[in-house]
């Protein structure tokens, strides 16, 4: 995998996260935090988004061999603005991490368990793909609230970038 490809995918990932967060600014805190049915697995829109942020944070920490600070607690994010602030920190950390990688590091095996080997780029792609999954759940919830975030696919990002 080429470094420029990973940088583009990371930029797309955080652009799409921001689109979801922007749509969330148009709903009430009660809608942001209330339990939804059917339950996507994280009980609420906030729960789904905190899980998504926690996944991005957790995998970056693992890739950087940082200590595990535990799972993010959704109670620490009472509203969208508090979640957005933490997400901006995470986006900057990811961009700095990827900027420091070269192609050899991206393609190197960083994790081995029994018969499983993963390169850094495979792990990063997993994070991006997992984000797509959970953003689609969040988008469905938002659409149910009458606040669709709009197009979140990679093509939408490229159009937004003017490419």
C-alpha atoms as a PDB file:
ATOM      1  CA  UNK A   1       0.000   0.000   0.000  1.00  0.00           C
ATOM      2  CA  UNK A   2       1.231   3.483  -0.821  1.00  0.00           C
ATOM      3  CA  UNK A   3       1.447   6.172   1.841  1.00  0.00           C
ATOM      4  CA  UNK A   4      -0.528   8.683  -0.231  1.00  0.00           C
ATOM      5  CA  UNK A   5      -3.380   6.163  -0.513  1.00  0.00           C
ATOM      6  CA  UNK A   6      -3.528   5.710   3.264  1.00  0.00           C
ATOM      7  CA  UNK A   7      -3.355   9.474   3.817  1.00  0.00           C
ATOM      8  CA  UNK A   8      -6.292   9.929   1.429  1.00  0.00           C
ATOM      9  CA  UNK A   9      -8.315   7.201   3.134  1.00  0.00           C
ATOM     10  CA  UNK A  10      -7.637   8.659   6.592  1.00  0.00           C
ATOM     11  CA  UNK A  11      -8.701  12.102   5.365  1.00  0.00           C
ATOM     12  CA  UNK A  12     -11.875  10.570   3.903  1.00  0.00           C
ATOM     13  CA  UNK A  13     -12.602   8.730   7.145  1.00  0.00           C
ATOM     14  CA  UNK A  14     -12.471  11.870   9.268  1.00  0.00           C
ATOM     15  CA  UNK A  15     -14.370  13.902   6.654  1.00  0.00           C
ATOM     16  CA  UNK A  16     -17.192  11.347   6.841  1.00  0.00           C
ATOM     17  CA  UNK A  17     -17.082  11.374  10.664  1.00  0.00           C
ATOM     18  CA  UNK A  18     -17.413  15.153  10.553  1.00  0.00           C
ATOM     19  CA  UNK A  19     -20.405  14.935   8.199  1.00  0.00           C
ATOM     20  CA  UNK A  20     -22.175  12.716  10.743  1.00  0.00           C
ATOM     21  CA  UNK A  21     -21.288  15.060  13.603  1.00  0.00           C
ATOM     22  CA  UNK A  22     -22.540  18.059  11.629  1.00  0.00           C
ATOM     23  CA  UNK A  23     -25.884  16.327  11.072  1.00  0.00           C
ATOM     24  CA  UNK A  24     -26.016  15.629  14.813  1.00  0.00           C
ATOM     25  CA  UNK A  25     -25.894  19.354  15.565  1.00  0.00           C
ATOM     26  CA  UNK A  26     -29.425  19.603  14.155  1.00  0.00           C
ATOM     27  CA  UNK A  27     -31.011  17.241  16.665  1.00  0.00           C
ATOM     28  CA  UNK A  28     -31.778  17.668  20.342  1.00  0.00           C
ATOM     29  CA  UNK A  29     -29.592  16.296  23.111  1.00  0.00           C
ATOM     30  CA  UNK A  30     -32.563  14.086  24.012  1.00  0.00           C
ATOM     31  CA  UNK A  31     -32.524  12.539  20.511  1.00  0.00           C
ATOM     32  CA  UNK A  32     -28.736  12.262  20.606  1.00  0.00           C
ATOM     33  CA  UNK A  33     -28.800  10.246  23.825  1.00  0.00           C
ATOM     34  CA  UNK A  34     -32.083   8.348  23.724  1.00  0.00           C
ATOM     35  CA  UNK A  35     -32.251   4.632  23.118  1.00  0.00           C
ATOM     36  CA  UNK A  36     -33.255   3.702  19.602  1.00  0.00           C
ATOM     37  CA  UNK A  37     -35.087   0.759  18.144  1.00  0.00           C
ATOM     38  CA  UNK A  38     -34.007  -1.316  16.509  1.00  0.00           C
ATOM     39  CA  UNK A  39     -30.897  -1.201  18.646  1.00  0.00           C
ATOM     40  CA  UNK A  40     -27.798  -1.048  16.412  1.00  0.00           C
ATOM     41  CA  UNK A  41     -25.737  -2.542  19.236  1.00  0.00           C
ATOM     42  CA  UNK A  42     -24.792   0.640  21.075  1.00  0.00           C
ATOM     43  CA  UNK A  43     -28.271   1.674  22.266  1.00  0.00           C
ATOM     44  CA  UNK A  44     -28.266   5.263  20.997  1.00  0.00           C
ATOM     45  CA  UNK A  45     -26.805   7.574  18.395  1.00  0.00           C
ATOM     46  CA  UNK A  46     -24.338   8.823  21.008  1.00  0.00           C
ATOM     47  CA  UNK A  47     -23.425   5.250  21.959  1.00  0.00           C
ATOM     48  CA  UNK A  48     -22.811   4.331  18.328  1.00  0.00           C
ATOM     49  CA  UNK A  49     -20.603   7.366  17.749  1.00  0.00           C
ATOM     50  CA  UNK A  50     -18.634   6.958  20.970  1.00  0.00           C
ATOM     51  CA  UNK A  51     -18.001   3.339  19.974  1.00  0.00           C
ATOM     52  CA  UNK A  52     -16.780   4.519  16.563  1.00  0.00           C
ATOM     53  CA  UNK A  53     -14.456   7.089  18.142  1.00  0.00           C
ATOM     54  CA  UNK A  54     -13.241   4.518  20.655  1.00  0.00           C
ATOM     55  CA  UNK A  55     -12.412   2.117  17.819  1.00  0.00           C
ATOM     56  CA  UNK A  56     -10.425   4.771  15.975  1.00  0.00           C
ATOM     57  CA  UNK A  57      -8.622   5.730  19.172  1.00  0.00           C
ATOM     58  CA  UNK A  58      -8.001   2.149  20.318  1.00  0.00           C
ATOM     59  CA  UNK A  59      -6.502   0.945  17.061  1.00  0.00           C
ATOM     60  CA  UNK A  60      -4.277   4.011  16.745  1.00  0.00           C
ATOM     61  CA  UNK A  61      -3.032   3.480  20.281  1.00  0.00           C
ATOM     62  CA  UNK A  62      -2.335  -0.172  19.468  1.00  0.00           C
ATOM     63  CA  UNK A  63      -0.502   0.731  16.253  1.00  0.00           C
ATOM     64  CA  UNK A  64       1.614   3.233  18.160  1.00  0.00           C
ATOM     65  CA  UNK A  65       2.178   0.789  21.003  1.00  0.00           C
ATOM     66  CA  UNK A  66       0.668   3.246  23.492  1.00  0.00           C
ATOM     67  CA  UNK A  67      -0.772   2.169  26.845  1.00  0.00           C
ATOM     68  CA  UNK A  68      -4.415   1.122  26.782  1.00  0.00           C
ATOM     69  CA  UNK A  69      -6.455   3.774  28.603  1.00  0.00           C
ATOM     70  CA  UNK A  70      -9.592   1.645  28.415  1.00  0.00           C
ATOM     71  CA  UNK A  71     -12.851   2.084  26.588  1.00  0.00           C
ATOM     72  CA  UNK A  72     -14.230   5.596  26.138  1.00  0.00           C
ATOM     73  CA  UNK A  73     -17.330   6.176  28.272  1.00  0.00           C
ATOM     74  CA  UNK A  74     -20.283   7.713  26.493  1.00  0.00           C
ATOM     75  CA  UNK A  75     -21.259   9.524  29.710  1.00  0.00           C
ATOM     76  CA  UNK A  76     -18.145  11.666  29.170  1.00  0.00           C
ATOM     77  CA  UNK A  77     -19.828  13.093  26.066  1.00  0.00           C
ATOM     78  CA  UNK A  78     -23.092  14.711  27.147  1.00  0.00           C
ATOM     79  CA  UNK A  79     -23.588  16.480  23.823  1.00  0.00           C
ATOM     80  CA  UNK A  80     -22.343  16.665  20.252  1.00  0.00           C
ATOM     81  CA  UNK A  81     -19.888  19.498  20.886  1.00  0.00           C
ATOM     82  CA  UNK A  82     -18.005  17.529  23.543  1.00  0.00           C
ATOM     83  CA  UNK A  83     -17.814  14.522  21.229  1.00  0.00           C
ATOM     84  CA  UNK A  84     -16.686  16.661  18.288  1.00  0.00           C
ATOM     85  CA  UNK A  85     -13.893  18.219  20.371  1.00  0.00           C
ATOM     86  CA  UNK A  86     -12.498  14.784  21.278  1.00  0.00           C
ATOM     87  CA  UNK A  87     -12.880  13.637  17.675  1.00  0.00           C
ATOM     88  CA  UNK A  88     -10.854  16.586  16.403  1.00  0.00           C
ATOM     89  CA  UNK A  89      -8.063  15.546  18.748  1.00  0.00           C
ATOM     90  CA  UNK A  90      -8.231  11.995  17.407  1.00  0.00           C
ATOM     91  CA  UNK A  91      -8.241  13.117  13.772  1.00  0.00           C
ATOM     92  CA  UNK A  92      -5.113  15.207  14.373  1.00  0.00           C
ATOM     93  CA  UNK A  93      -3.416  12.281  16.133  1.00  0.00           C
ATOM     94  CA  UNK A  94      -4.189   9.960  13.208  1.00  0.00           C
ATOM     95  CA  UNK A  95      -2.928  12.463  10.660  1.00  0.00           C
ATOM     96  CA  UNK A  96       0.314  12.923  12.613  1.00  0.00           C
ATOM     97  CA  UNK A  97       0.736   9.168  12.989  1.00  0.00           C
ATOM     98  CA  UNK A  98       0.262   8.481   9.279  1.00  0.00           C
ATOM     99  CA  UNK A  99       2.511  11.409   8.330  1.00  0.00           C
ATOM    100  CA  UNK A 100       5.356   9.781  10.272  1.00  0.00           C
ATOM    101  CA  UNK A 101       5.011   6.429   8.497  1.00  0.00           C
ATOM    102  CA  UNK A 102       6.932   5.486   5.409  1.00  0.00           C
ATOM    103  CA  UNK A 103       5.838   2.831   2.934  1.00  0.00           C
ATOM    104  CA  UNK A 104       8.064   0.199   4.505  1.00  0.00           C
ATOM    105  CA  UNK A 105       6.363   0.733   7.873  1.00  0.00           C
ATOM    106  CA  UNK A 106       2.901   0.661   6.273  1.00  0.00           C
ATOM    107  CA  UNK A 107       3.635  -2.657   4.621  1.00  0.00           C
ATOM    108  CA  UNK A 108       5.458  -4.239   7.547  1.00  0.00           C
ATOM    109  CA  UNK A 109       3.808  -6.826   9.768  1.00  0.00           C
ATOM    110  CA  UNK A 110       3.190  -5.160  13.113  1.00  0.00           C
ATOM    111  CA  UNK A 111       0.972  -7.720  14.814  1.00  0.00           C
ATOM    112  CA  UNK A 112       1.363 -11.454  15.004  1.00  0.00           C
ATOM    113  CA  UNK A 113      -0.812 -13.889  16.918  1.00  0.00           C
ATOM    114  CA  UNK A 114      -0.486 -17.622  16.305  1.00  0.00           C
ATOM    115  CA  UNK A 115      -1.375 -17.879  12.607  1.00  0.00           C
ATOM    116  CA  UNK A 116      -2.516 -14.263  12.151  1.00  0.00           C
ATOM    117  CA  UNK A 117      -0.284 -11.561  10.742  1.00  0.00           C
ATOM    118  CA  UNK A 118      -1.399  -8.014  10.006  1.00  0.00           C
ATOM    119  CA  UNK A 119       0.369  -5.168   8.294  1.00  0.00           C
ATOM    120  CA  UNK A 120      -0.192  -1.595   9.411  1.00  0.00           C
ATOM    121  CA  UNK A 121      -2.072  -0.734   6.226  1.00  0.00           C
ATOM    122  CA  UNK A 122      -4.430  -3.706   6.704  1.00  0.00           C
ATOM    123  CA  UNK A 123      -5.194  -2.534  10.235  1.00  0.00           C
ATOM    124  CA  UNK A 124      -5.747   1.042   9.096  1.00  0.00           C
ATOM    125  CA  UNK A 125      -8.062  -0.171   6.354  1.00  0.00           C
ATOM    126  CA  UNK A 126      -9.981  -2.157   8.982  1.00  0.00           C
ATOM    127  CA  UNK A 127     -10.451   1.045  11.020  1.00  0.00           C
ATOM    128  CA  UNK A 128     -11.776   2.883   7.965  1.00  0.00           C
ATOM    129  CA  UNK A 129     -14.087   0.025   7.002  1.00  0.00           C
ATOM    130  CA  UNK A 130     -15.389  -0.285  10.572  1.00  0.00           C
ATOM    131  CA  UNK A 131     -16.069   3.447  10.478  1.00  0.00           C
ATOM    132  CA  UNK A 132     -18.129   3.023   7.324  1.00  0.00           C
ATOM    133  CA  UNK A 133     -20.185   0.357   9.077  1.00  0.00           C
ATOM    134  CA  UNK A 134     -20.931   2.424  12.184  1.00  0.00           C
ATOM    135  CA  UNK A 135     -21.461   5.670  10.267  1.00  0.00           C
ATOM    136  CA  UNK A 136     -24.137   3.882   8.246  1.00  0.00           C
ATOM    137  CA  UNK A 137     -25.864   2.931  11.500  1.00  0.00           C
ATOM    138  CA  UNK A 138     -25.611   6.530  12.695  1.00  0.00           C
ATOM    139  CA  UNK A 139     -26.871   7.804   9.336  1.00  0.00           C
ATOM    140  CA  UNK A 140     -29.902   5.524   9.565  1.00  0.00           C
ATOM    141  CA  UNK A 141     -30.704   6.871  13.041  1.00  0.00           C
ATOM    142  CA  UNK A 142     -30.258  10.456  11.871  1.00  0.00           C
ATOM    143  CA  UNK A 143     -32.431   9.823   8.822  1.00  0.00           C
ATOM    144  CA  UNK A 144     -35.118   8.503  11.162  1.00  0.00           C
ATOM    145  CA  UNK A 145     -34.899  11.842  12.987  1.00  0.00           C
ATOM    146  CA  UNK A 146     -35.337  13.670   9.679  1.00  0.00           C
ATOM    147  CA  UNK A 147     -31.668  14.733   9.558  1.00  0.00           C
ATOM    148  CA  UNK A 148     -29.915  12.602   6.965  1.00  0.00           C
ATOM    149  CA  UNK A 149     -26.202  13.402   6.789  1.00  0.00           C
ATOM    150  CA  UNK A 150     -26.288  13.041   3.000  1.00  0.00           C
ATOM    151  CA  UNK A 151     -23.775  11.166   0.897  1.00  0.00           C
ATOM    152  CA  UNK A 152     -20.925   9.696   2.941  1.00  0.00           C
ATOM    153  CA  UNK A 153     -19.266   7.484   0.369  1.00  0.00           C
ATOM    154  CA  UNK A 154     -15.753   7.911  -0.941  1.00  0.00           C
ATOM    155  CA  UNK A 155     -17.014   9.384  -4.219  1.00  0.00           C
ATOM    156  CA  UNK A 156     -18.797  12.103  -2.220  1.00  0.00           C
ATOM    157  CA  UNK A 157     -15.528  12.912  -0.481  1.00  0.00           C
ATOM    158  CA  UNK A 158     -13.669  13.152  -3.803  1.00  0.00           C
ATOM    159  CA  UNK A 159     -16.341  15.498  -5.175  1.00  0.00           C
ATOM    160  CA  UNK A 160     -16.124  17.584  -1.982  1.00  0.00           C
ATOM    161  CA  UNK A 161     -12.332  17.746  -2.474  1.00  0.00           C
ATOM    162  CA  UNK A 162     -12.867  18.858  -6.085  1.00  0.00           C
ATOM    163  CA  UNK A 163     -11.216  15.786  -7.561  1.00  0.00           C
END
